[in-house]
Amino acid sequence: MNRGEVRLHRFAAPGKRRPVVILTRTSALRYLTRVTVAPITTNVRGIPSEVVIGPEDGLKEVSAVNLDNIQTVRKDDLGPLLAILSVERMRAVREAAAFSLGFDEA
């Protein structure tokens, strides 16, 4: 398991499986029982706190990593590997997360 992997996770609400991207740094993953993830949705809004991904990233359809809804989940609840995001795509995820959390402000 590594940062940038896209895996399935079943969220309690709305009670369905959804792909997520792992945000926790890879060096910490082997020590943790919970990991920070961002959900992926097909509802693309085109806002700065999203990163659009799609078939070129290994997904079936155009989607968005939603950095407004970052969550920490049990590592054991993560499902199979679906894709691995590129370094460039993860750079965009980092920038969107900074925007979402207000860390991009001076």
N, C-alpha and C. Protein backbone atom coordinates (compact mmCIF):
# COMPACT_ATOMS: atom_id res chain seq x y z
N MET A 1 0.85 -1.17 0.00
CA MET A 1 0.00 0.00 0.00
C MET A 1 0.90 1.24 0.00
N ASN A 2 0.55 2.23 -0.87
CA ASN A 2 1.35 3.43 -1.02
C ASN A 2 0.48 4.65 -1.27
N ARG A 3 1.05 5.83 -0.96
CA ARG A 3 0.37 7.07 -1.30
C ARG A 3 0.15 7.10 -2.81
N GLY A 4 -1.01 7.60 -3.22
CA GLY A 4 -1.32 7.71 -4.64
C GLY A 4 -2.07 6.53 -5.20
N GLU A 5 -2.21 5.47 -4.41
CA GLU A 5 -3.00 4.33 -4.88
C GLU A 5 -4.48 4.66 -4.81
N VAL A 6 -5.21 4.16 -5.78
CA VAL A 6 -6.67 4.27 -5.79
C VAL A 6 -7.20 2.90 -5.40
N ARG A 7 -8.00 2.87 -4.33
CA ARG A 7 -8.57 1.62 -3.82
C ARG A 7 -10.04 1.84 -3.52
N LEU A 8 -10.78 0.75 -3.42
CA LEU A 8 -12.19 0.83 -3.05
C LEU A 8 -12.34 0.92 -1.54
N HIS A 9 -13.38 1.63 -1.11
CA HIS A 9 -13.70 1.72 0.32
C HIS A 9 -15.22 1.87 0.46
N ARG A 10 -15.78 1.18 1.45
CA ARG A 10 -17.22 1.30 1.71
C ARG A 10 -17.43 2.33 2.82
N PHE A 11 -18.05 3.44 2.45
CA PHE A 11 -18.36 4.50 3.41
C PHE A 11 -19.68 4.19 4.10
N ALA A 12 -19.77 4.53 5.37
CA ALA A 12 -21.01 4.31 6.13
C ALA A 12 -22.16 5.11 5.52
N ALA A 13 -21.90 6.35 5.17
CA ALA A 13 -22.91 7.17 4.50
C ALA A 13 -22.29 7.65 3.19
N PRO A 14 -22.85 7.40 2.09
CA PRO A 14 -24.19 6.90 1.82
C PRO A 14 -24.30 5.38 1.76
N GLY A 15 -23.35 4.66 2.29
CA GLY A 15 -23.45 3.20 2.35
C GLY A 15 -23.12 2.51 1.05
N LYS A 16 -22.19 3.09 0.29
CA LYS A 16 -21.80 2.42 -0.95
C LYS A 16 -20.29 2.45 -1.10
N ARG A 17 -19.82 1.53 -1.93
CA ARG A 17 -18.38 1.46 -2.21
C ARG A 17 -18.02 2.57 -3.18
N ARG A 18 -16.88 3.17 -2.92
CA ARG A 18 -16.43 4.28 -3.75
C ARG A 18 -14.90 4.21 -3.82
N PRO A 19 -14.33 4.57 -4.93
CA PRO A 19 -12.87 4.63 -4.98
C PRO A 19 -12.36 5.82 -4.17
N VAL A 20 -11.19 5.63 -3.59
CA VAL A 20 -10.52 6.68 -2.83
C VAL A 20 -9.05 6.69 -3.22
N VAL A 21 -8.40 7.82 -3.04
CA VAL A 21 -6.96 7.89 -3.25
C VAL A 21 -6.30 8.04 -1.87
N ILE A 22 -5.26 7.26 -1.64
CA ILE A 22 -4.54 7.30 -0.37
C ILE A 22 -3.66 8.55 -0.33
N LEU A 23 -3.80 9.34 0.75
CA LEU A 23 -3.04 10.57 0.93
C LEU A 23 -1.92 10.43 1.96
N THR A 24 -2.04 9.48 2.88
CA THR A 24 -1.03 9.29 3.93
C THR A 24 0.32 8.99 3.29
N ARG A 25 1.37 9.58 3.85
CA ARG A 25 2.71 9.35 3.29
C ARG A 25 3.07 7.87 3.39
N THR A 26 3.70 7.37 2.36
CA THR A 26 4.03 5.95 2.25
C THR A 26 4.88 5.47 3.43
N SER A 27 5.83 6.29 3.88
CA SER A 27 6.73 5.86 4.96
C SER A 27 6.00 5.59 6.27
N ALA A 28 4.81 6.15 6.45
CA ALA A 28 4.05 5.94 7.70
C ALA A 28 3.05 4.81 7.60
N LEU A 29 2.72 4.37 6.41
CA LEU A 29 1.61 3.43 6.23
C LEU A 29 1.80 2.11 6.97
N ARG A 30 3.01 1.61 7.05
CA ARG A 30 3.20 0.31 7.69
C ARG A 30 3.01 0.36 9.20
N TYR A 31 3.05 1.57 9.78
CA TYR A 31 2.90 1.72 11.23
C TYR A 31 1.49 2.08 11.66
N LEU A 32 0.65 2.48 10.72
CA LEU A 32 -0.67 3.01 11.05
C LEU A 32 -1.77 1.99 10.81
N THR A 33 -2.83 2.09 11.59
CA THR A 33 -4.02 1.26 11.37
C THR A 33 -5.09 2.05 10.63
N ARG A 34 -4.93 3.38 10.58
CA ARG A 34 -5.87 4.24 9.86
C ARG A 34 -5.09 5.08 8.86
N VAL A 35 -5.70 5.36 7.73
CA VAL A 35 -5.05 6.14 6.68
C VAL A 35 -5.98 7.26 6.22
N THR A 36 -5.38 8.32 5.73
CA THR A 36 -6.14 9.45 5.23
C THR A 36 -6.35 9.27 3.73
N VAL A 37 -7.60 9.44 3.31
CA VAL A 37 -7.97 9.23 1.92
C VAL A 37 -8.86 10.38 1.44
N ALA A 38 -8.94 10.52 0.13
CA ALA A 38 -9.88 11.45 -0.48
C ALA A 38 -10.79 10.64 -1.40
N PRO A 39 -12.10 10.85 -1.27
CA PRO A 39 -13.03 10.11 -2.12
C PRO A 39 -12.96 10.58 -3.57
N ILE A 40 -13.29 9.67 -4.46
CA ILE A 40 -13.35 9.96 -5.89
C ILE A 40 -14.80 9.86 -6.31
N THR A 41 -15.25 10.86 -7.05
CA THR A 41 -16.65 10.93 -7.47
C THR A 41 -16.75 11.20 -8.97
N THR A 42 -17.82 10.75 -9.57
CA THR A 42 -18.06 11.06 -10.99
C THR A 42 -18.77 12.40 -11.14
N ASN A 43 -19.12 13.04 -10.01
CA ASN A 43 -19.75 14.36 -10.03
C ASN A 43 -18.64 15.42 -10.08
N VAL A 44 -18.18 15.74 -11.28
CA VAL A 44 -17.08 16.68 -11.46
C VAL A 44 -17.65 18.10 -11.47
N ARG A 45 -17.19 18.92 -10.53
CA ARG A 45 -17.70 20.29 -10.41
C ARG A 45 -16.76 21.33 -11.00
N GLY A 46 -15.51 20.96 -11.26
CA GLY A 46 -14.56 21.91 -11.84
C GLY A 46 -14.14 23.00 -10.88
N ILE A 47 -13.93 22.65 -9.62
CA ILE A 47 -13.53 23.63 -8.61
C ILE A 47 -12.09 23.36 -8.16
N PRO A 48 -11.42 24.35 -7.57
CA PRO A 48 -10.00 24.19 -7.22
C PRO A 48 -9.69 23.09 -6.22
N SER A 49 -10.67 22.64 -5.46
CA SER A 49 -10.43 21.58 -4.48
C SER A 49 -10.65 20.18 -5.07
N GLU A 50 -10.75 20.10 -6.38
CA GLU A 50 -10.89 18.81 -7.08
C GLU A 50 -9.73 18.62 -8.04
N VAL A 51 -9.42 17.36 -8.32
CA VAL A 51 -8.47 17.01 -9.37
C VAL A 51 -9.19 16.03 -10.28
N VAL A 52 -9.31 16.40 -11.55
CA VAL A 52 -10.00 15.55 -12.51
C VAL A 52 -9.05 14.44 -12.95
N ILE A 53 -9.56 13.22 -12.91
CA ILE A 53 -8.81 12.03 -13.34
C ILE A 53 -9.73 11.21 -14.23
N GLY A 54 -9.16 10.22 -14.90
CA GLY A 54 -10.01 9.43 -15.79
C GLY A 54 -9.31 8.20 -16.32
N PRO A 55 -9.73 7.75 -17.50
CA PRO A 55 -9.16 6.53 -18.08
C PRO A 55 -7.64 6.56 -18.22
N GLU A 56 -7.08 7.74 -18.49
CA GLU A 56 -5.62 7.83 -18.61
C GLU A 56 -4.92 7.57 -17.27
N ASP A 57 -5.69 7.61 -16.19
CA ASP A 57 -5.16 7.33 -14.85
C ASP A 57 -5.52 5.93 -14.37
N GLY A 58 -6.22 5.16 -15.21
CA GLY A 58 -6.59 3.81 -14.84
C GLY A 58 -8.01 3.65 -14.35
N LEU A 59 -8.81 4.72 -14.40
CA LEU A 59 -10.21 4.64 -13.99
C LEU A 59 -11.10 4.37 -15.20
N LYS A 60 -12.31 3.91 -14.95
CA LYS A 60 -13.23 3.58 -16.03
C LYS A 60 -13.83 4.81 -16.68
N GLU A 61 -14.03 5.88 -15.88
CA GLU A 61 -14.66 7.08 -16.42
C GLU A 61 -14.06 8.33 -15.79
N VAL A 62 -14.33 9.46 -16.42
CA VAL A 62 -13.85 10.73 -15.90
C VAL A 62 -14.47 10.96 -14.52
N SER A 63 -13.62 11.31 -13.57
CA SER A 63 -14.03 11.48 -12.17
C SER A 63 -13.22 12.61 -11.56
N ALA A 64 -13.47 12.88 -10.29
CA ALA A 64 -12.71 13.91 -9.58
C ALA A 64 -12.32 13.41 -8.20
N VAL A 65 -11.08 13.66 -7.83
CA VAL A 65 -10.64 13.46 -6.45
C VAL A 65 -11.17 14.66 -5.68
N ASN A 66 -11.99 14.42 -4.67
CA ASN A 66 -12.66 15.48 -3.93
C ASN A 66 -11.88 15.76 -2.64
N LEU A 67 -11.10 16.83 -2.64
CA LEU A 67 -10.28 17.16 -1.48
C LEU A 67 -11.05 17.95 -0.42
N ASP A 68 -12.32 18.26 -0.66
CA ASP A 68 -13.15 18.89 0.37
C ASP A 68 -13.68 17.88 1.36
N ASN A 69 -13.55 16.59 1.04
CA ASN A 69 -14.11 15.54 1.90
C ASN A 69 -13.06 14.51 2.32
N ILE A 70 -11.88 14.99 2.66
CA ILE A 70 -10.80 14.12 3.14
C ILE A 70 -11.27 13.42 4.42
N GLN A 71 -10.97 12.12 4.52
CA GLN A 71 -11.36 11.34 5.70
C GLN A 71 -10.24 10.40 6.11
N THR A 72 -10.28 9.98 7.36
CA THR A 72 -9.36 8.96 7.84
C THR A 72 -10.17 7.70 8.08
N VAL A 73 -9.69 6.59 7.49
CA VAL A 73 -10.43 5.33 7.52
C VAL A 73 -9.51 4.20 7.98
N ARG A 74 -10.11 3.09 8.40
CA ARG A 74 -9.32 1.92 8.78
C ARG A 74 -8.62 1.35 7.55
N LYS A 75 -7.33 1.13 7.70
CA LYS A 75 -6.55 0.58 6.59
C LYS A 75 -7.10 -0.77 6.15
N ASP A 76 -7.54 -1.58 7.12
CA ASP A 76 -8.07 -2.91 6.80
C ASP A 76 -9.36 -2.86 6.01
N ASP A 77 -10.03 -1.71 5.99
CA ASP A 77 -11.29 -1.57 5.25
C ASP A 77 -11.08 -1.19 3.79
N LEU A 78 -9.84 -0.92 3.41
CA LEU A 78 -9.57 -0.58 2.02
C LEU A 78 -9.58 -1.84 1.17
N GLY A 79 -10.18 -1.72 0.01
CA GLY A 79 -10.32 -2.85 -0.89
C GLY A 79 -9.19 -2.95 -1.90
N PRO A 80 -9.49 -3.61 -3.01
CA PRO A 80 -8.47 -3.89 -4.01
C PRO A 80 -7.92 -2.63 -4.69
N LEU A 81 -6.70 -2.77 -5.17
CA LEU A 81 -6.04 -1.71 -5.92
C LEU A 81 -6.71 -1.55 -7.27
N LEU A 82 -7.09 -0.31 -7.60
CA LEU A 82 -7.72 -0.02 -8.89
C LEU A 82 -6.78 0.69 -9.84
N ALA A 83 -5.93 1.55 -9.29
CA ALA A 83 -5.03 2.36 -10.13
C ALA A 83 -3.97 2.98 -9.23
N ILE A 84 -2.95 3.55 -9.87
CA ILE A 84 -1.92 4.31 -9.17
C ILE A 84 -1.78 5.64 -9.90
N LEU A 85 -1.97 6.73 -9.17
CA LEU A 85 -1.86 8.05 -9.79
C LEU A 85 -0.40 8.42 -10.00
N SER A 86 -0.13 9.13 -11.08
CA SER A 86 1.23 9.54 -11.43
C SER A 86 1.74 10.61 -10.46
N VAL A 87 3.03 10.84 -10.50
CA VAL A 87 3.65 11.89 -9.68
C VAL A 87 3.03 13.24 -10.01
N GLU A 88 2.83 13.50 -11.30
CA GLU A 88 2.23 14.77 -11.72
C GLU A 88 0.81 14.92 -11.19
N ARG A 89 0.04 13.85 -11.25
CA ARG A 89 -1.34 13.91 -10.78
C ARG A 89 -1.36 14.10 -9.25
N MET A 90 -0.45 13.43 -8.55
CA MET A 90 -0.39 13.60 -7.10
C MET A 90 0.08 15.00 -6.71
N ARG A 91 0.88 15.63 -7.55
CA ARG A 91 1.25 17.02 -7.30
C ARG A 91 0.00 17.90 -7.34
N ALA A 92 -0.88 17.64 -8.31
CA ALA A 92 -2.14 18.37 -8.41
C ALA A 92 -3.03 18.08 -7.20
N VAL A 93 -3.03 16.84 -6.73
CA VAL A 93 -3.79 16.47 -5.53
C VAL A 93 -3.27 17.26 -4.32
N ARG A 94 -1.96 17.34 -4.19
CA ARG A 94 -1.36 18.09 -3.07
C ARG A 94 -1.78 19.56 -3.12
N GLU A 95 -1.76 20.16 -4.30
CA GLU A 95 -2.15 21.56 -4.44
C GLU A 95 -3.63 21.76 -4.12
N ALA A 96 -4.47 20.83 -4.57
CA ALA A 96 -5.91 20.92 -4.29
C ALA A 96 -6.18 20.73 -2.79
N ALA A 97 -5.42 19.85 -2.14
CA ALA A 97 -5.58 19.66 -0.69
C ALA A 97 -5.17 20.92 0.06
N ALA A 98 -4.08 21.54 -0.36
CA ALA A 98 -3.64 22.79 0.28
C ALA A 98 -4.71 23.86 0.12
N PHE A 99 -5.31 23.95 -1.06
CA PHE A 99 -6.39 24.92 -1.29
C PHE A 99 -7.57 24.61 -0.38
N SER A 100 -7.97 23.35 -0.35
CA SER A 100 -9.13 22.93 0.43
C SER A 100 -8.97 23.27 1.92
N LEU A 101 -7.77 23.09 2.43
CA LEU A 101 -7.50 23.32 3.85
C LEU A 101 -7.07 24.75 4.16
N GLY A 102 -6.95 25.58 3.13
CA GLY A 102 -6.56 26.97 3.33
C GLY A 102 -5.07 27.16 3.53
N PHE A 103 -4.26 26.15 3.22
CA PHE A 103 -2.82 26.26 3.38
C PHE A 103 -2.14 26.98 2.22
N ASP A 104 -2.90 27.34 1.20
CA ASP A 104 -2.34 28.05 0.05
C ASP A 104 -2.34 29.56 0.27
N GLU A 105 -2.95 30.00 1.37
CA GLU A 105 -3.06 31.44 1.65
C GLU A 105 -1.78 31.95 2.31
N ALA A 106 -1.48 33.19 2.03
CA ALA A 106 -0.26 33.81 2.58
C ALA A 106 -0.43 34.14 4.05
